[in-house]
Amino acid sequence: MDIEYELMERQVCSRGVGRGGMIWHVAVHPDYRRLGIGTNLRREAEKLASEADLDYLEAWTRDDEWVRDWYEQNQFDSMDSYLHVYMDGSKEHKDILEIQTAGFKPIQTFAHYTGPEKEKVRNRFDRVHDCICYVKNLRK
């Protein structure tokens, strides 16, 4: 488990109140999954975060259902979400990008969509992923 913690509020995290710790990575070798290792890592991380006087932990993940379930089972709350949108080729760029520079042609584009019409965006583009923020308050 890889966590970066803040010395001052809002240096790394964006969704909780107070000083937070951003969980960048959680990984367990596939041969050792479902043995409680991830949960033990989380418990130790929470202990260290409390010792560092952090108020919460924040984590962003994409649309892997089992990862979402793990955060929710470990008392993290879903706080925010947006879409990662990958555009490839002229069909997907049509009516999205207006280029003001002659001779400039996008081939691939990566974008964040934060608006209210997520289903419309999912239906329009071939590669769209949910990006979800989970937060766990450590001061309950």
Protein backbone atom coordinates (compact mmCIF):
# COMPACT_ATOMS: atom_id res chain seq x y z
CA MET A 1 0.00 0.00 0.00
CA ASP A 2 1.37 3.37 -1.06
CA ILE A 3 0.04 6.44 0.78
CA GLU A 4 1.17 10.03 0.47
CA TYR A 5 0.13 12.13 3.44
CA GLU A 6 -0.31 15.85 3.70
CA LEU A 7 1.69 18.14 5.94
CA MET A 8 -0.87 20.87 5.29
CA GLU A 9 -4.52 20.54 4.27
CA ARG A 10 -5.25 20.25 0.50
CA GLN A 11 -1.63 19.61 -0.57
CA VAL A 12 -2.49 16.19 -2.01
CA CYS A 13 -6.11 15.31 -1.25
CA SER A 14 -9.20 17.16 -2.38
CA ARG A 15 -12.38 15.74 -0.88
CA GLY A 16 -12.15 15.40 2.91
CA VAL A 17 -11.93 17.88 5.77
CA GLY A 18 -8.59 18.36 7.52
CA ARG A 19 -5.30 16.69 6.65
CA GLY A 20 -5.57 13.61 4.48
CA GLY A 21 -3.59 10.76 3.08
CA MET A 22 -3.91 9.76 -0.58
CA ILE A 23 -3.88 6.03 -1.25
CA TRP A 24 -2.06 5.78 -4.56
CA HIS A 25 -1.69 2.00 -4.81
CA VAL A 26 -2.98 -1.14 -3.12
CA ALA A 27 -1.72 -4.44 -4.48
CA VAL A 28 -1.62 -8.05 -3.42
CA HIS A 29 0.00 -10.72 -5.57
CA PRO A 30 -2.75 -12.76 -7.29
CA ASP A 31 -1.55 -15.99 -5.62
CA TYR A 32 -2.25 -14.45 -2.21
CA ARG A 33 -5.56 -12.63 -2.78
CA ARG A 34 -8.59 -13.26 -0.59
CA LEU A 35 -6.44 -14.08 2.43
CA GLY A 36 -7.03 -10.76 4.24
CA ILE A 37 -3.70 -9.22 3.25
CA GLY A 38 -5.30 -6.09 1.73
CA THR A 39 -7.43 -5.61 4.82
CA ASN A 40 -4.38 -6.01 7.07
CA LEU A 41 -2.52 -3.46 4.95
CA ARG A 42 -5.47 -1.08 5.31
CA ARG A 43 -5.59 -1.54 9.09
CA GLU A 44 -1.86 -0.83 9.42
CA ALA A 45 -2.18 2.18 7.11
CA GLU A 46 -5.03 3.56 9.22
CA LYS A 47 -2.97 3.06 12.39
CA LEU A 48 0.01 4.92 10.86
CA ALA A 49 -2.31 7.63 9.49
CA SER A 50 -3.80 8.15 12.96
CA GLU A 51 -0.30 8.36 14.45
CA ALA A 52 0.52 11.00 11.83
CA ASP A 53 -2.63 12.86 12.99
CA LEU A 54 -4.44 12.55 9.64
CA ASP A 55 -8.18 13.15 9.52
CA TYR A 56 -9.06 10.94 6.57
CA LEU A 57 -7.83 8.72 3.76
CA GLU A 58 -8.74 9.36 0.12
CA ALA A 59 -8.50 6.99 -2.82
CA TRP A 60 -9.44 7.22 -6.49
CA THR A 61 -10.18 4.12 -8.51
CA ARG A 62 -11.64 3.26 -11.86
CA ASP A 63 -14.53 1.02 -12.72
CA ASP A 64 -13.37 -2.36 -11.40
CA GLU A 65 -16.39 -3.56 -9.44
CA TRP A 66 -14.36 -5.75 -7.06
CA VAL A 67 -12.11 -2.80 -6.15
CA ARG A 68 -15.14 -0.61 -5.45
CA ASP A 69 -16.61 -3.38 -3.31
CA TRP A 70 -13.35 -3.63 -1.33
CA TYR A 71 -13.38 0.09 -0.50
CA GLU A 72 -17.05 -0.01 0.47
CA GLN A 73 -16.58 -3.14 2.62
CA ASN A 74 -13.76 -1.29 4.40
CA GLN A 75 -16.02 1.65 5.29
CA PHE A 76 -14.91 4.09 2.61
CA ASP A 77 -17.66 6.35 1.26
CA SER A 78 -18.02 7.26 -2.40
CA MET A 79 -17.63 11.05 -2.52
CA ASP A 80 -17.25 12.07 -6.15
CA SER A 81 -16.86 10.74 -9.67
CA TYR A 82 -16.12 11.79 -13.21
CA LEU A 83 -15.39 10.04 -16.48
CA HIS A 84 -12.07 9.29 -18.14
CA VAL A 85 -12.73 9.60 -21.87
CA TYR A 86 -10.30 8.37 -24.51
CA MET A 87 -10.90 9.66 -28.03
CA ASP A 88 -9.22 8.04 -30.99
CA GLY A 89 -9.47 9.20 -34.60
CA SER A 90 -11.48 11.79 -36.44
CA LYS A 91 -14.88 10.16 -35.78
CA GLU A 92 -14.62 10.60 -32.03
CA HIS A 93 -13.05 14.06 -32.27
CA LYS A 94 -15.80 15.39 -34.54
CA ASP A 95 -17.75 18.23 -32.91
CA ILE A 96 -15.67 17.95 -29.72
CA LEU A 97 -12.43 19.70 -30.57
CA GLU A 98 -12.17 22.96 -32.40
CA ILE A 99 -8.59 23.48 -33.57
CA GLN A 100 -7.44 27.03 -34.24
CA THR A 101 -3.98 26.14 -35.53
CA ALA A 102 -3.51 25.27 -39.20
CA GLY A 103 -1.92 21.87 -39.75
CA PHE A 104 -2.77 20.63 -36.26
CA LYS A 105 -4.72 17.36 -36.15
CA PRO A 106 -5.37 15.41 -32.92
CA ILE A 107 -4.85 11.67 -33.23
CA GLN A 108 -5.67 10.60 -29.66
CA THR A 109 -7.13 12.59 -26.79
CA PHE A 110 -7.61 11.91 -23.10
CA ALA A 111 -10.24 13.98 -21.30
CA HIS A 112 -12.11 14.25 -18.02
CA TYR A 113 -15.88 14.69 -18.22
CA THR A 114 -17.44 16.21 -15.10
CA GLY A 115 -20.84 17.19 -16.46
CA PRO A 116 -24.31 15.78 -15.79
CA GLU A 117 -24.79 13.77 -19.01
CA LYS A 118 -22.58 10.76 -18.28
CA GLU A 119 -24.76 8.27 -20.17
CA LYS A 120 -24.65 10.42 -23.28
CA VAL A 121 -20.83 10.49 -23.08
CA ARG A 122 -20.66 6.72 -22.46
CA ASN A 123 -22.81 6.11 -25.55
CA ARG A 124 -20.83 8.47 -27.77
CA PHE A 125 -17.29 7.21 -27.13
CA ASP A 126 -15.85 3.71 -27.32
CA ARG A 127 -13.54 3.95 -24.30
CA VAL A 128 -14.99 5.57 -21.19
CA HIS A 129 -14.20 4.73 -17.57
CA ASP A 130 -15.72 5.85 -14.28
CA CYS A 131 -13.19 7.43 -11.94
CA ILE A 132 -14.50 7.34 -8.38
CA CYS A 133 -13.27 9.00 -5.21
CA TYR A 134 -13.56 7.13 -1.90
CA VAL A 135 -12.96 8.76 1.46
CA LYS A 136 -12.70 7.23 4.92
CA ASN A 137 -12.97 9.52 7.92
CA LEU A 138 -10.47 8.50 10.60
CA ARG A 139 -12.01 10.67 13.34
CA LYS A 140 -15.47 9.12 13.78
